[in-house]
Amino acid sequence: MLRGSELPAGAFVAAFPGVTQPAFSQHLKVLRESGIASVRADRQRRLYTLAPESLDPVRDWLVPNTIVVETVATKSKARPKPTPARELMLGLLG
Protein backbone atom coordinates (compact mmCIF):
# COMPACT_ATOMS: atom_id res chain seq x y z
CA MET A 1 0.00 0.00 0.00
CA LEU A 2 2.06 2.86 -1.28
CA ARG A 3 1.26 6.46 -2.01
CA GLY A 4 -1.47 7.00 -4.55
CA SER A 5 -2.33 3.37 -5.12
CA GLU A 6 -5.10 1.13 -3.90
CA LEU A 7 -4.73 -2.48 -2.89
CA PRO A 8 -7.43 -4.99 -2.09
CA ALA A 9 -7.28 -6.59 1.35
CA GLY A 10 -6.56 -9.94 -0.29
CA ALA A 11 -3.27 -8.61 -1.69
CA PHE A 12 -1.88 -8.27 1.82
CA VAL A 13 -2.82 -11.82 2.70
CA ALA A 14 -1.22 -13.08 -0.53
CA ALA A 15 1.98 -11.11 0.09
CA PHE A 16 2.43 -12.45 3.63
CA PRO A 17 1.47 -16.12 3.63
CA GLY A 18 2.38 -16.55 7.30
CA VAL A 19 -0.27 -14.04 8.43
CA THR A 20 -3.90 -15.04 8.53
CA GLN A 21 -6.72 -13.10 6.90
CA PRO A 22 -8.34 -12.33 10.31
CA ALA A 23 -5.02 -10.94 11.57
CA PHE A 24 -4.74 -8.66 8.53
CA SER A 25 -8.32 -7.54 9.00
CA GLN A 26 -7.51 -6.46 12.54
CA HIS A 27 -4.37 -4.60 11.45
CA LEU A 28 -6.18 -2.87 8.60
CA LYS A 29 -8.92 -1.85 11.03
CA VAL A 30 -6.33 -0.20 13.28
CA LEU A 31 -4.82 1.62 10.29
CA ARG A 32 -8.29 2.85 9.23
CA GLU A 33 -9.26 3.98 12.72
CA SER A 34 -5.96 5.83 13.17
CA GLY A 35 -6.35 7.64 9.84
CA ILE A 36 -3.25 6.07 8.31
CA ALA A 37 -5.30 4.24 5.68
CA SER A 38 -8.69 4.68 4.08
CA VAL A 39 -10.95 2.08 2.52
CA ARG A 40 -13.60 2.09 -0.15
CA ALA A 41 -15.91 -0.67 -1.29
CA ASP A 42 -15.69 -1.92 -4.86
CA ARG A 43 -18.37 -4.56 -5.22
CA GLN A 44 -17.24 -7.33 -2.88
CA ARG A 45 -13.69 -6.05 -2.49
CA ARG A 46 -12.35 -3.50 -0.05
CA LEU A 47 -9.64 -1.29 -1.52
CA TYR A 48 -7.16 0.31 0.87
CA THR A 49 -5.17 3.49 0.29
CA LEU A 50 -2.40 4.96 2.41
CA ALA A 51 -2.85 8.52 3.68
CA PRO A 52 0.81 9.59 3.52
CA GLU A 53 0.20 12.89 5.28
CA SER A 54 -0.80 10.94 8.38
CA LEU A 55 2.79 9.68 8.56
CA ASP A 56 4.34 13.18 8.54
CA PRO A 57 5.05 13.15 12.30
CA VAL A 58 6.78 9.78 11.94
CA ARG A 59 8.84 11.03 9.00
CA ASP A 60 9.71 14.23 10.85
CA TRP A 61 11.13 12.13 13.68
CA LEU A 62 12.76 9.44 11.53
CA VAL A 63 14.61 11.58 9.01
CA PRO A 64 16.97 13.39 11.42
CA ASN A 65 17.55 10.22 13.42
CA THR A 66 18.17 8.17 10.27
CA ILE A 67 20.81 10.66 9.16
CA VAL A 68 22.58 10.25 12.51
CA VAL A 69 22.49 6.45 12.25
CA GLU A 70 23.69 6.46 8.63
CA THR A 71 26.48 8.92 9.50
CA VAL A 72 27.70 6.64 12.28
CA ALA A 73 27.38 3.61 9.97
CA THR A 74 29.36 5.40 7.24
CA LYS A 75 32.14 6.32 9.64
CA SER A 76 32.38 2.71 10.80
CA LYS A 77 32.41 1.57 7.15
CA ALA A 78 29.28 -0.46 7.79
CA ARG A 79 26.40 0.03 5.37
CA PRO A 80 22.78 -0.57 6.29
CA LYS A 81 21.69 -3.71 4.49
CA PRO A 82 18.83 -3.27 2.05
CA THR A 83 15.81 -5.05 3.49
CA PRO A 84 12.18 -5.12 2.37
CA ALA A 85 11.19 -3.11 5.46
CA ARG A 86 13.88 -0.47 4.80
CA GLU A 87 12.88 -0.19 1.14
CA LEU A 88 9.22 0.11 2.16
CA MET A 89 9.99 2.90 4.64
CA LEU A 90 12.09 4.76 2.08
CA GLY A 91 9.19 4.47 -0.39
CA LEU A 92 6.69 5.73 2.16
CA LEU A 93 8.85 8.61 3.30
CA GLY A 94 9.60 9.62 -0.29
PDB file of N, CA and C in Angstrom:
ATOM      1  N   MET A   1       0.878  -1.169   0.000  1.00  0.00           N
ATOM      2  CA  MET A   1       0.000   0.000   0.000  1.00  0.00           C
ATOM      3  C   MET A   1       0.919   1.224   0.000  1.00  0.00           C
ATOM      4  N   LEU A   2       1.201   1.700  -1.167  1.00  0.00           N
ATOM      5  CA  LEU A   2       2.063   2.863  -1.281  1.00  0.00           C
ATOM      6  C   LEU A   2       1.262   4.073  -1.705  1.00  0.00           C
ATOM      7  N   ARG A   3       1.918   5.210  -1.669  1.00  0.00           N
ATOM      8  CA  ARG A   3       1.260   6.463  -2.010  1.00  0.00           C
ATOM      9  C   ARG A   3       0.529   6.380  -3.332  1.00  0.00           C
ATOM     10  N   GLY A   4      -0.716   6.848  -3.322  1.00  0.00           N
ATOM     11  CA  GLY A   4      -1.465   6.998  -4.555  1.00  0.00           C
ATOM     12  C   GLY A   4      -1.989   5.727  -5.178  1.00  0.00           C
ATOM     13  N   SER A   5      -1.812   4.603  -4.537  1.00  0.00           N
ATOM     14  CA  SER A   5      -2.326   3.370  -5.119  1.00  0.00           C
ATOM     15  C   SER A   5      -3.271   2.680  -4.148  1.00  0.00           C
ATOM     16  N   GLU A   6      -4.156   1.887  -4.715  1.00  0.00           N
ATOM     17  CA  GLU A   6      -5.096   1.130  -3.899  1.00  0.00           C
ATOM     18  C   GLU A   6      -4.738  -0.351  -3.992  1.00  0.00           C
ATOM     19  N   LEU A   7      -4.927  -1.038  -2.900  1.00  0.00           N
ATOM     20  CA  LEU A   7      -4.725  -2.482  -2.894  1.00  0.00           C
ATOM     21  C   LEU A   7      -5.907  -3.147  -2.219  1.00  0.00           C
ATOM     22  N   PRO A   8      -6.370  -4.260  -2.765  1.00  0.00           N
ATOM     23  CA  PRO A   8      -7.427  -4.993  -2.092  1.00  0.00           C
ATOM     24  C   PRO A   8      -6.861  -5.710  -0.866  1.00  0.00           C
ATOM     25  N   ALA A   9      -7.710  -5.933   0.118  1.00  0.00           N
ATOM     26  CA  ALA A   9      -7.277  -6.594   1.350  1.00  0.00           C
ATOM     27  C   ALA A   9      -6.615  -7.928   1.051  1.00  0.00           C
ATOM     28  N   GLY A  10      -7.122  -8.643   0.060  1.00  0.00           N
ATOM     29  CA  GLY A  10      -6.556  -9.938  -0.287  1.00  0.00           C
ATOM     30  C   GLY A  10      -5.110  -9.877  -0.730  1.00  0.00           C
ATOM     31  N   ALA A  11      -4.665  -8.745  -1.249  1.00  0.00           N
ATOM     32  CA  ALA A  11      -3.271  -8.608  -1.695  1.00  0.00           C
ATOM     33  C   ALA A  11      -2.317  -8.696  -0.518  1.00  0.00           C
ATOM     34  N   PHE A  12      -2.725  -8.197   0.631  1.00  0.00           N
ATOM     35  CA  PHE A  12      -1.881  -8.265   1.821  1.00  0.00           C
ATOM     36  C   PHE A  12      -1.730  -9.711   2.274  1.00  0.00           C
ATOM     37  N   VAL A  13      -2.836 -10.420   2.282  1.00  0.00           N
ATOM     38  CA  VAL A  13      -2.816 -11.817   2.700  1.00  0.00           C
ATOM     39  C   VAL A  13      -1.933 -12.631   1.750  1.00  0.00           C
ATOM     40  N   ALA A  14      -2.032 -12.366   0.458  1.00  0.00           N
ATOM     41  CA  ALA A  14      -1.217 -13.083  -0.525  1.00  0.00           C
ATOM     42  C   ALA A  14       0.267 -12.757  -0.378  1.00  0.00           C
ATOM     43  N   ALA A  15       0.586 -11.534  -0.015  1.00  0.00           N
ATOM     44  CA  ALA A  15       1.983 -11.107   0.095  1.00  0.00           C
ATOM     45  C   ALA A  15       2.661 -11.645   1.348  1.00  0.00           C
ATOM     46  N   PHE A  16       1.891 -11.967   2.364  1.00  0.00           N
ATOM     47  CA  PHE A  16       2.434 -12.450   3.627  1.00  0.00           C
ATOM     48  C   PHE A  16       1.744 -13.753   4.010  1.00  0.00           C
ATOM     49  N   PRO A  17       2.175 -14.860   3.424  1.00  0.00           N
ATOM     50  CA  PRO A  17       1.469 -16.125   3.635  1.00  0.00           C
ATOM     51  C   PRO A  17       1.457 -16.608   5.081  1.00  0.00           C
ATOM     52  N   GLY A  18       2.347 -16.133   5.903  1.00  0.00           N
ATOM     53  CA  GLY A  18       2.379 -16.552   7.303  1.00  0.00           C
ATOM     54  C   GLY A  18       1.387 -15.828   8.189  1.00  0.00           C
ATOM     55  N   VAL A  19       0.692 -14.835   7.642  1.00  0.00           N
ATOM     56  CA  VAL A  19      -0.266 -14.044   8.428  1.00  0.00           C
ATOM     57  C   VAL A  19      -1.670 -14.390   7.950  1.00  0.00           C
ATOM     58  N   THR A  20      -2.539 -14.641   8.887  1.00  0.00           N
ATOM     59  CA  THR A  20      -3.897 -15.043   8.527  1.00  0.00           C
ATOM     60  C   THR A  20      -4.742 -13.852   8.088  1.00  0.00           C
ATOM     61  N   GLN A  21      -5.794 -14.147   7.350  1.00  0.00           N
ATOM     62  CA  GLN A  21      -6.721 -13.099   6.904  1.00  0.00           C
ATOM     63  C   GLN A  21      -7.340 -12.375   8.088  1.00  0.00           C
ATOM     64  N   PRO A  22      -7.790 -13.065   9.162  1.00  0.00           N
ATOM     65  CA  PRO A  22      -8.336 -12.325  10.305  1.00  0.00           C
ATOM     66  C   PRO A  22      -7.316 -11.387  10.964  1.00  0.00           C
ATOM     67  N   ALA A  23      -6.057 -11.810  10.993  1.00  0.00           N
ATOM     68  CA  ALA A  23      -5.019 -10.943  11.569  1.00  0.00           C
ATOM     69  C   ALA A  23      -4.860  -9.682  10.725  1.00  0.00           C
ATOM     70  N   PHE A  24      -4.842  -9.841   9.399  1.00  0.00           N
ATOM     71  CA  PHE A  24      -4.740  -8.664   8.534  1.00  0.00           C
ATOM     72  C   PHE A  24      -5.958  -7.762   8.694  1.00  0.00           C
ATOM     73  N   SER A  25      -7.113  -8.346   8.809  1.00  0.00           N
ATOM     74  CA  SER A  25      -8.325  -7.542   9.000  1.00  0.00           C
ATOM     75  C   SER A  25      -8.208  -6.667  10.241  1.00  0.00           C
ATOM     76  N   GLN A  26      -7.678  -7.236  11.312  1.00  0.00           N
ATOM     77  CA  GLN A  26      -7.507  -6.457  12.538  1.00  0.00           C
ATOM     78  C   GLN A  26      -6.489  -5.333  12.353  1.00  0.00           C
ATOM     79  N   HIS A  27      -5.389  -5.635  11.684  1.00  0.00           N
ATOM     80  CA  HIS A  27      -4.368  -4.601  11.454  1.00  0.00           C
ATOM     81  C   HIS A  27      -4.897  -3.496  10.543  1.00  0.00           C
ATOM     82  N   LEU A  28      -5.615  -3.876   9.505  1.00  0.00           N
ATOM     83  CA  LEU A  28      -6.175  -2.872   8.603  1.00  0.00           C
ATOM     84  C   LEU A  28      -7.209  -2.018   9.321  1.00  0.00           C
ATOM     85  N   LYS A  29      -7.949  -2.613  10.232  1.00  0.00           N
ATOM     86  CA  LYS A  29      -8.924  -1.852  11.028  1.00  0.00           C
ATOM     87  C   LYS A  29      -8.203  -0.790  11.869  1.00  0.00           C
ATOM     88  N   VAL A  30      -7.100  -1.161  12.481  1.00  0.00           N
ATOM     89  CA  VAL A  30      -6.325  -0.204  13.284  1.00  0.00           C
ATOM     90  C   VAL A  30      -5.806   0.927  12.400  1.00  0.00           C
ATOM     91  N   LEU A  31      -5.312   0.589  11.209  1.00  0.00           N
ATOM     92  CA  LEU A  31      -4.820   1.625  10.291  1.00  0.00           C
ATOM     93  C   LEU A  31      -5.943   2.568   9.858  1.00  0.00           C
ATOM     94  N   ARG A  32      -7.132   2.011   9.604  1.00  0.00           N
ATOM     95  CA  ARG A  32      -8.291   2.851   9.234  1.00  0.00           C
ATOM     96  C   ARG A  32      -8.676   3.766  10.379  1.00  0.00           C
ATOM     97  N   GLU A  33      -8.812   3.200  11.574  1.00  0.00           N
ATOM     98  CA  GLU A  33      -9.263   3.985  12.721  1.00  0.00           C
ATOM     99  C   GLU A  33      -8.255   5.053  13.125  1.00  0.00           C
ATOM    100  N   SER A  34      -6.985   4.841  12.831  1.00  0.00           N
ATOM    101  CA  SER A  34      -5.964   5.827  13.174  1.00  0.00           C
ATOM    102  C   SER A  34      -5.788   6.879  12.079  1.00  0.00           C
ATOM    103  N   GLY A  35      -6.453   6.674  10.930  1.00  0.00           N
ATOM    104  CA  GLY A  35      -6.352   7.642   9.838  1.00  0.00           C
ATOM    105  C   GLY A  35      -5.154   7.426   8.932  1.00  0.00           C
ATOM    106  N   ILE A  36      -4.417   6.344   9.144  1.00  0.00           N
ATOM    107  CA  ILE A  36      -3.251   6.066   8.308  1.00  0.00           C
ATOM    108  C   ILE A  36      -3.669   5.504   6.957  1.00  0.00           C
ATOM    109  N   ALA A  37      -4.792   4.815   6.926  1.00  0.00           N
ATOM    110  CA  ALA A  37      -5.299   4.244   5.678  1.00  0.00           C
ATOM    111  C   ALA A  37      -6.783   4.539   5.557  1.00  0.00           C
ATOM    112  N   SER A  38      -7.254   4.547   4.325  1.00  0.00           N
ATOM    113  CA  SER A  38      -8.691   4.678   4.082  1.00  0.00           C
ATOM    114  C   SER A  38      -9.127   3.493   3.238  1.00  0.00           C
ATOM    115  N   VAL A  39     -10.425   3.235   3.245  1.00  0.00           N
ATOM    116  CA  VAL A  39     -10.948   2.081   2.520  1.00  0.00           C
ATOM    117  C   VAL A  39     -12.184   2.503   1.743  1.00  0.00           C
ATOM    118  N   ARG A  40     -12.365   1.884   0.598  1.00  0.00           N
ATOM    119  CA  ARG A  40     -13.596   2.085  -0.145  1.00  0.00           C
ATOM    120  C   ARG A  40     -14.048   0.735  -0.677  1.00  0.00           C
ATOM    121  N   ALA A  41     -15.353   0.576  -0.779  1.00  0.00           N
ATOM    122  CA  ALA A  41     -15.910  -0.672  -1.288  1.00  0.00           C
ATOM    123  C   ALA A  41     -15.954  -0.630  -2.806  1.00  0.00           C
ATOM    124  N   ASP A  42     -15.593  -1.740  -3.411  1.00  0.00           N
ATOM    125  CA  ASP A  42     -15.692  -1.923  -4.860  1.00  0.00           C
ATOM    126  C   ASP A  42     -16.307  -3.298  -5.063  1.00  0.00           C
ATOM    127  N   ARG A  43     -17.613  -3.306  -5.168  1.00  0.00           N
ATOM    128  CA  ARG A  43     -18.372  -4.558  -5.215  1.00  0.00           C
ATOM    129  C   ARG A  43     -18.095  -5.341  -3.950  1.00  0.00           C
ATOM    130  N   GLN A  44     -17.500  -6.517  -4.076  1.00  0.00           N
ATOM    131  CA  GLN A  44     -17.241  -7.326  -2.883  1.00  0.00           C
ATOM    132  C   GLN A  44     -15.851  -7.090  -2.296  1.00  0.00           C
ATOM    133  N   ARG A  45     -15.047  -6.309  -2.977  1.00  0.00           N
ATOM    134  CA  ARG A  45     -13.689  -6.048  -2.490  1.00  0.00           C
ATOM    135  C   ARG A  45     -13.641  -4.779  -1.663  1.00  0.00           C
ATOM    136  N   ARG A  46     -12.658  -4.710  -0.794  1.00  0.00           N
ATOM    137  CA  ARG A  46     -12.352  -3.502  -0.049  1.00  0.00           C
ATOM    138  C   ARG A  46     -10.975  -3.048  -0.502  1.00  0.00           C
ATOM    139  N   LEU A  47     -10.904  -1.823  -1.009  1.00  0.00           N
ATOM    140  CA  LEU A  47      -9.642  -1.286  -1.517  1.00  0.00           C
ATOM    141  C   LEU A  47      -9.066  -0.304  -0.509  1.00  0.00           C
ATOM    142  N   TYR A  48      -7.815  -0.510  -0.144  1.00  0.00           N
ATOM    143  CA  TYR A  48      -7.157   0.311   0.867  1.00  0.00           C
ATOM    144  C   TYR A  48      -6.163   1.258   0.219  1.00  0.00           C
ATOM    145  N   THR A  49      -6.093   2.463   0.760  1.00  0.00           N
ATOM    146  CA  THR A  49      -5.166   3.494   0.286  1.00  0.00           C
ATOM    147  C   THR A  49      -4.465   4.095   1.493  1.00  0.00           C
ATOM    148  N   LEU A  50      -3.180   4.333   1.354  1.00  0.00           N
ATOM    149  CA  LEU A  50      -2.397   4.961   2.405  1.00  0.00           C
ATOM    150  C   LEU A  50      -2.630   6.469   2.386  1.00  0.00           C
ATOM    151  N   ALA A  51      -2.764   7.067   3.554  1.00  0.00           N
ATOM    152  CA  ALA A  51      -2.855   8.521   3.682  1.00  0.00           C
ATOM    153  C   ALA A  51      -1.470   9.009   4.120  1.00  0.00           C
ATOM    154  N   PRO A  52      -0.579   9.298   3.166  1.00  0.00           N
ATOM    155  CA  PRO A  52       0.810   9.593   3.515  1.00  0.00           C
ATOM    156  C   PRO A  52       0.973  10.776   4.464  1.00  0.00           C
ATOM    157  N   GLU A  53       0.075  11.736   4.380  1.00  0.00           N
ATOM    158  CA  GLU A  53       0.205  12.894   5.277  1.00  0.00           C
ATOM    159  C   GLU A  53       0.038  12.495   6.737  1.00  0.00           C
ATOM    160  N   SER A  54      -0.631  11.391   7.002  1.00  0.00           N
ATOM    161  CA  SER A  54      -0.795  10.939   8.381  1.00  0.00           C
ATOM    162  C   SER A  54       0.522  10.454   8.967  1.00  0.00           C
ATOM    163  N   LEU A  55       1.489  10.150   8.102  1.00  0.00           N
ATOM    164  CA  LEU A  55       2.793   9.680   8.562  1.00  0.00           C
ATOM    165  C   LEU A  55       3.817  10.809   8.687  1.00  0.00           C
ATOM    166  N   ASP A  56       3.413  12.043   8.442  1.00  0.00           N
ATOM    167  CA  ASP A  56       4.345  13.175   8.536  1.00  0.00           C
ATOM    168  C   ASP A  56       5.049  13.249   9.889  1.00  0.00           C
ATOM    169  N   PRO A  57       4.332  13.098  11.013  1.00  0.00           N
ATOM    170  CA  PRO A  57       5.048  13.146  12.301  1.00  0.00           C
ATOM    171  C   PRO A  57       6.099  12.044  12.434  1.00  0.00           C
ATOM    172  N   VAL A  58       5.814  10.878  11.892  1.00  0.00           N
ATOM    173  CA  VAL A  58       6.782   9.778  11.942  1.00  0.00           C
ATOM    174  C   VAL A  58       7.993  10.132  11.089  1.00  0.00           C
ATOM    175  N   ARG A  59       7.737  10.634   9.876  1.00  0.00           N
ATOM    176  CA  ARG A  59       8.841  11.025   8.995  1.00  0.00           C
ATOM    177  C   ARG A  59       9.665  12.144   9.634  1.00  0.00           C
ATOM    178  N   ASP A  60       9.000  13.113  10.235  1.00  0.00           N
ATOM    179  CA  ASP A  60       9.712  14.229  10.854  1.00  0.00           C
ATOM    180  C   ASP A  60      10.648  13.759  11.967  1.00  0.00           C
ATOM    181  N   TRP A  61      10.273  12.683  12.640  1.00  0.00           N
ATOM    182  CA  TRP A  61      11.127  12.130  13.680  1.00  0.00           C
ATOM    183  C   TRP A  61      12.204  11.223  13.080  1.00  0.00           C
ATOM    184  N   LEU A  62      11.832  10.414  12.088  1.00  0.00           N
ATOM    185  CA  LEU A  62      12.764   9.441  11.528  1.00  0.00           C
ATOM    186  C   LEU A  62      13.898  10.064  10.736  1.00  0.00           C
ATOM    187  N   VAL A  63      13.601  11.055   9.929  1.00  0.00           N
ATOM    188  CA  VAL A  63      14.613  11.585   9.007  1.00  0.00           C
ATOM    189  C   VAL A  63      15.849  12.079   9.747  1.00  0.00           C
ATOM    190  N   PRO A  64      15.734  12.953  10.749  1.00  0.00           N
ATOM    191  CA  PRO A  64      16.973  13.394  11.418  1.00  0.00           C
ATOM    192  C   PRO A  64      17.687  12.250  12.131  1.00  0.00           C
ATOM    193  N   ASN A  65      16.940  11.329  12.707  1.00  0.00           N
ATOM    194  CA  ASN A  65      17.545  10.215  13.422  1.00  0.00           C
ATOM    195  C   ASN A  65      18.173   9.216  12.459  1.00  0.00           C
ATOM    196  N   THR A  66      17.598   9.053  11.271  1.00  0.00           N
ATOM    197  CA  THR A  66      18.167   8.167  10.266  1.00  0.00           C
ATOM    198  C   THR A  66      19.493   8.722   9.775  1.00  0.00           C
ATOM    199  N   ILE A  67      19.567  10.029   9.605  1.00  0.00           N
ATOM    200  CA  ILE A  67      20.808  10.661   9.164  1.00  0.00           C
ATOM    201  C   ILE A  67      21.908  10.406  10.185  1.00  0.00           C
ATOM    202  N   VAL A  68      21.592  10.508  11.461  1.00  0.00           N
ATOM    203  CA  VAL A  68      22.580  10.247  12.510  1.00  0.00           C
ATOM    204  C   VAL A  68      23.051   8.803  12.435  1.00  0.00           C
ATOM    205  N   VAL A  69      22.135   7.865  12.316  1.00  0.00           N
ATOM    206  CA  VAL A  69      22.492   6.447  12.253  1.00  0.00           C
ATOM    207  C   VAL A  69      23.330   6.163  11.021  1.00  0.00           C
ATOM    208  N   GLU A  70      22.927   6.710   9.859  1.00  0.00           N
ATOM    209  CA  GLU A  70      23.685   6.463   8.634  1.00  0.00           C
ATOM    210  C   GLU A  70      25.058   7.120   8.683  1.00  0.00           C
ATOM    211  N   THR A  71      25.181   8.270   9.356  1.00  0.00           N
ATOM    212  CA  THR A  71      26.481   8.924   9.502  1.00  0.00           C
ATOM    213  C   THR A  71      27.403   8.052  10.340  1.00  0.00           C
ATOM    214  N   VAL A  72      26.898   7.523  11.434  1.00  0.00           N
ATOM    215  CA  VAL A  72      27.696   6.637  12.281  1.00  0.00           C
ATOM    216  C   VAL A  72      28.066   5.383  11.498  1.00  0.00           C
ATOM    217  N   ALA A  73      27.107   4.818  10.757  1.00  0.00           N
ATOM    218  CA  ALA A  73      27.380   3.612   9.971  1.00  0.00           C
ATOM    219  C   ALA A  73      28.434   3.878   8.900  1.00  0.00           C
ATOM    220  N   THR A  74      28.383   5.056   8.277  1.00  0.00           N
ATOM    221  CA  THR A  74      29.356   5.403   7.238  1.00  0.00           C
ATOM    222  C   THR A  74      30.752   5.535   7.841  1.00  0.00           C
ATOM    223  N   LYS A  75      30.834   6.159   9.001  1.00  0.00           N
ATOM    224  CA  LYS A  75      32.140   6.319   9.644  1.00  0.00           C
ATOM    225  C   LYS A  75      32.730   4.976  10.056  1.00  0.00           C
ATOM    226  N   SER A  76      31.879   4.020  10.396  1.00  0.00           N
ATOM    227  CA  SER A  76      32.384   2.712  10.797  1.00  0.00           C
ATOM    228  C   SER A  76      32.528   1.780   9.597  1.00  0.00           C
ATOM    229  N   LYS A  77      32.327   2.309   8.405  1.00  0.00           N
ATOM    230  CA  LYS A  77      32.415   1.569   7.147  1.00  0.00           C
ATOM    231  C   LYS A  77      31.376   0.454   7.052  1.00  0.00           C
ATOM    232  N   ALA A  78      30.377   0.512   7.872  1.00  0.00           N
ATOM    233  CA  ALA A  78      29.280  -0.458   7.787  1.00  0.00           C
ATOM    234  C   ALA A  78      28.128   0.214   7.052  1.00  0.00           C
ATOM    235  N   ARG A  79      27.535  -0.490   6.141  1.00  0.00           N
ATOM    236  CA  ARG A  79      26.401   0.033   5.372  1.00  0.00           C
ATOM    237  C   ARG A  79      25.138  -0.663   5.837  1.00  0.00           C
ATOM    238  N   PRO A  80      24.044   0.099   5.977  1.00  0.00           N
ATOM    239  CA  PRO A  80      22.778  -0.574   6.291  1.00  0.00           C
ATOM    240  C   PRO A  80      22.412  -1.516   5.148  1.00  0.00           C
ATOM    241  N   LYS A  81      22.062  -2.730   5.506  1.00  0.00           N
ATOM    242  CA  LYS A  81      21.691  -3.711   4.492  1.00  0.00           C
ATOM    243  C   LYS A  81      20.321  -3.385   3.933  1.00  0.00           C
ATOM    244  N   PRO A  82      20.159  -3.486   2.624  1.00  0.00           N
ATOM    245  CA  PRO A  82      18.830  -3.269   2.051  1.00  0.00           C
ATOM    246  C   PRO A  82      17.908  -4.411   2.486  1.00  0.00           C
ATOM    247  N   THR A  83      16.810  -4.061   3.075  1.00  0.00           N
ATOM    248  CA  THR A  83      15.813  -5.046   3.488  1.00  0.00           C
ATOM    249  C   THR A  83      14.467  -4.601   2.947  1.00  0.00           C
ATOM    250  N   PRO A  84      13.512  -5.522   2.821  1.00  0.00           N
ATOM    251  CA  PRO A  84      12.184  -5.117   2.366  1.00  0.00           C
ATOM    252  C   PRO A  84      11.576  -4.017   3.244  1.00  0.00           C
ATOM    253  N   ALA A  85      11.761  -4.124   4.562  1.00  0.00           N
ATOM    254  CA  ALA A  85      11.188  -3.113   5.458  1.00  0.00           C
ATOM    255  C   ALA A  85      11.849  -1.750   5.223  1.00  0.00           C
ATOM    256  N   ARG A  86      13.178  -1.739   5.051  1.00  0.00           N
ATOM    257  CA  ARG A  86      13.882  -0.474   4.800  1.00  0.00           C
ATOM    258  C   ARG A  86      13.429   0.145   3.487  1.00  0.00           C
ATOM    259  N   GLU A  87      13.325  -0.685   2.448  1.00  0.00           N
ATOM    260  CA  GLU A  87      12.884  -0.188   1.145  1.00  0.00           C
ATOM    261  C   GLU A  87      11.451   0.349   1.237  1.00  0.00           C
ATOM    262  N   LEU A  88      10.594  -0.338   1.986  1.00  0.00           N
ATOM    263  CA  LEU A  88       9.219   0.113   2.159  1.00  0.00           C
ATOM    264  C   LEU A  88       9.192   1.472   2.856  1.00  0.00           C
ATOM    265  N   MET A  89       9.968   1.626   3.930  1.00  0.00           N
ATOM    266  CA  MET A  89       9.988   2.902   4.640  1.00  0.00           C
ATOM    267  C   MET A  89      10.524   4.018   3.749  1.00  0.00           C
ATOM    268  N   LEU A  90      11.563   3.744   2.978  1.00  0.00           N
ATOM    269  CA  LEU A  90      12.086   4.762   2.076  1.00  0.00           C
ATOM    270  C   LEU A  90      11.029   5.155   1.041  1.00  0.00           C
ATOM    271  N   GLY A  91      10.265   4.182   0.558  1.00  0.00           N
ATOM    272  CA  GLY A  91       9.195   4.471  -0.395  1.00  0.00           C
ATOM    273  C   GLY A  91       8.085   5.293   0.228  1.00  0.00           C
ATOM    274  N   LEU A  92       7.757   4.995   1.482  1.00  0.00           N
ATOM    275  CA  LEU A  92       6.691   5.731   2.161  1.00  0.00           C
ATOM    276  C   LEU A  92       7.109   7.150   2.495  1.00  0.00           C
ATOM    277  N   LEU A  93       8.366   7.296   2.880  1.00  0.00           N
ATOM    278  CA  LEU A  93       8.849   8.606   3.303  1.00  0.00           C
ATOM    279  C   LEU A  93       9.237   9.484   2.126  1.00  0.00           C
ATOM    280  N   GLY A  94       9.342   8.881   0.953  1.00  0.00           N
ATOM    281  CA  GLY A  94       9.598   9.616  -0.287  1.00  0.00           C
ATOM    282  C   GLY A  94      10.765  10.517  -0.191  1.00  0.00           C
TER     283      GLY A  94
END
